[in-house]
Amino acid sequence: MSRSRWILLTLFAVIAVAAIYVGMNPEMASRYAQAQRDAALSADSKETITLVIGLAIAAYLGWFFLIRKN
């Protein structure tokens, strides 16, 4: 196996061990769940982010097809 595959395999193993540790510890699992709830985006912020991404894509396509020189 190449070196990058070993690194990727090691990262997956570390993530799996961390998930098992967090899942078996009820206090840490509840803190993790609370952190996920606190980090969740509101509906307004999701719409704003989607709008910004859409505008960026439209601006790039406009530049690509209308302004860009061959």
Protein backbone atom coordinates (compact mmCIF):
# COMPACT_ATOMS: atom_id res chain seq x y z
CA MET A 1 0.00 0.00 0.00
CA SER A 2 1.11 3.52 -0.65
CA ARG A 3 1.92 5.95 2.11
CA SER A 4 -1.24 8.05 1.58
CA ARG A 5 -3.45 4.98 2.02
CA TRP A 6 -1.80 4.22 5.37
CA ILE A 7 -2.35 7.80 6.50
CA LEU A 8 -6.02 7.65 5.45
CA LEU A 9 -6.48 4.28 7.15
CA THR A 10 -4.90 5.65 10.34
CA LEU A 11 -7.19 8.68 10.31
CA PHE A 12 -10.28 6.47 9.92
CA ALA A 13 -9.10 4.28 12.79
CA VAL A 14 -8.58 7.28 15.06
CA ILE A 15 -12.03 8.63 14.19
CA ALA A 16 -13.59 5.20 14.88
CA VAL A 17 -11.88 4.93 18.27
CA ALA A 18 -12.96 8.47 19.19
CA ALA A 19 -16.55 7.71 18.15
CA ILE A 20 -16.60 4.55 20.26
CA TYR A 21 -15.16 6.43 23.25
CA VAL A 22 -17.69 9.27 22.94
CA GLY A 23 -20.56 6.83 22.41
CA MET A 24 -19.76 4.78 25.50
CA ASN A 25 -19.34 7.77 27.83
CA PRO A 26 -22.87 9.15 28.48
CA GLU A 27 -21.64 12.49 29.82
CA MET A 28 -19.40 13.11 26.84
CA ALA A 29 -22.12 11.93 24.44
CA SER A 30 -24.59 14.43 25.90
CA ARG A 31 -21.99 17.23 25.69
CA TYR A 32 -21.28 16.30 22.06
CA ALA A 33 -25.00 16.29 21.22
CA GLN A 34 -25.42 19.70 22.89
CA ALA A 35 -22.45 21.06 20.93
CA GLN A 36 -24.04 19.85 17.69
CA ARG A 37 -27.34 21.53 18.58
CA ASP A 38 -25.55 24.78 19.45
CA ALA A 39 -23.61 24.75 16.18
CA ALA A 40 -26.65 24.14 13.98
CA LEU A 41 -27.44 26.98 11.61
CA SER A 42 -30.80 28.71 11.69
CA ALA A 43 -33.08 28.65 8.65
CA ASP A 44 -32.29 32.29 7.86
CA SER A 45 -28.55 31.72 7.86
CA LYS A 46 -28.96 28.63 5.65
CA GLU A 47 -30.95 30.69 3.14
CA THR A 48 -28.35 33.46 3.23
CA ILE A 49 -25.48 31.02 2.64
CA THR A 50 -27.38 29.37 -0.22
CA LEU A 51 -28.04 32.80 -1.77
CA VAL A 52 -24.37 33.80 -1.51
CA ILE A 53 -23.24 30.52 -3.09
CA GLY A 54 -25.81 30.93 -5.88
CA LEU A 55 -24.65 34.49 -6.56
CA ALA A 56 -21.03 33.37 -6.64
CA ILE A 57 -21.85 30.64 -9.16
CA ALA A 58 -23.90 33.08 -11.28
CA ALA A 59 -21.07 35.63 -11.20
CA TYR A 60 -18.54 33.03 -12.26
CA LEU A 61 -20.75 31.80 -15.11
CA GLY A 62 -21.37 35.39 -16.20
CA TRP A 63 -17.64 36.07 -16.21
CA PHE A 64 -16.91 32.80 -18.00
CA PHE A 65 -19.45 33.24 -20.81
CA LEU A 66 -19.72 37.03 -21.18
CA ILE A 67 -16.51 38.75 -20.13
CA ARG A 68 -13.70 36.22 -20.53
CA LYS A 69 -11.59 36.59 -23.66
CA ASN A 70 -10.53 33.54 -25.65
